[in-house]
Amino acid sequence: MDRWFRLFVSPLDGGHGKEAAWLGLCSDIDDYKRQGELFAFLAEAGEVLAESLDLQATLNRLLGIIVPEFGDWAAIDLFDDDDRLKTVAAIHADPEKMRLVKRMVGRYTHDRRYEPAIAEALRMRRPMVIRDVNVELLKRAAAPNLFPVIRELGPRSAVTVPLRVRGRTIGSLVAYWCE
């Protein structure tokens, strides 16, 4: 995993114009840099959300700033009246795999009753990282008709973020990292 560090180096005077040694200070600034990246992302996301009243266009643009920066592919799922999650937008960084993610749009991709990580994130109203997306987890999470599609996409890890409006969870945004 890459981390950001700041290095300060200064020569120590050894007399007669020669350096006796060097003094260095290394500081871990990774959290600071990542916060800056997050704030930049949130600012851009805010602009995207304010640009259009067309929901589909807005969701697609939002996913376009998430991928490939925060994942190889991402999807937005919203609850329907029967409390099922339906994928309403999806994007993949690889143009050849876009045909696969587009097959999920408009379909019920998973049921929060059967997928513990998504259910937990939605229930707790907080993001959740899924470090190991394995075949067993995919079988539990994916709708049976879409399991082959999702398996072909090859997710290895993911983060799911509940989408909330006026105190109510309306769905989730999931970003996936592949092989």
Foldseek 3Di string as FASTA:
>chain_A
DDFDKDKDKDFPDPPPPDGPGMDMDIGGCRVVVVVVVVVVLVVVLVCLVPPDPPVLSSVQVNQVSCPPVPAQKKWWWFQDPVRFTATQDMDGNDPVLRVLRVVRHGHRFFHLVQQPQQVVCQVVQAKDKFQADDLVNLVRGTDVVSSVSVVVVAFGIKMKHFDDDPRHGGTIMMHTYHD
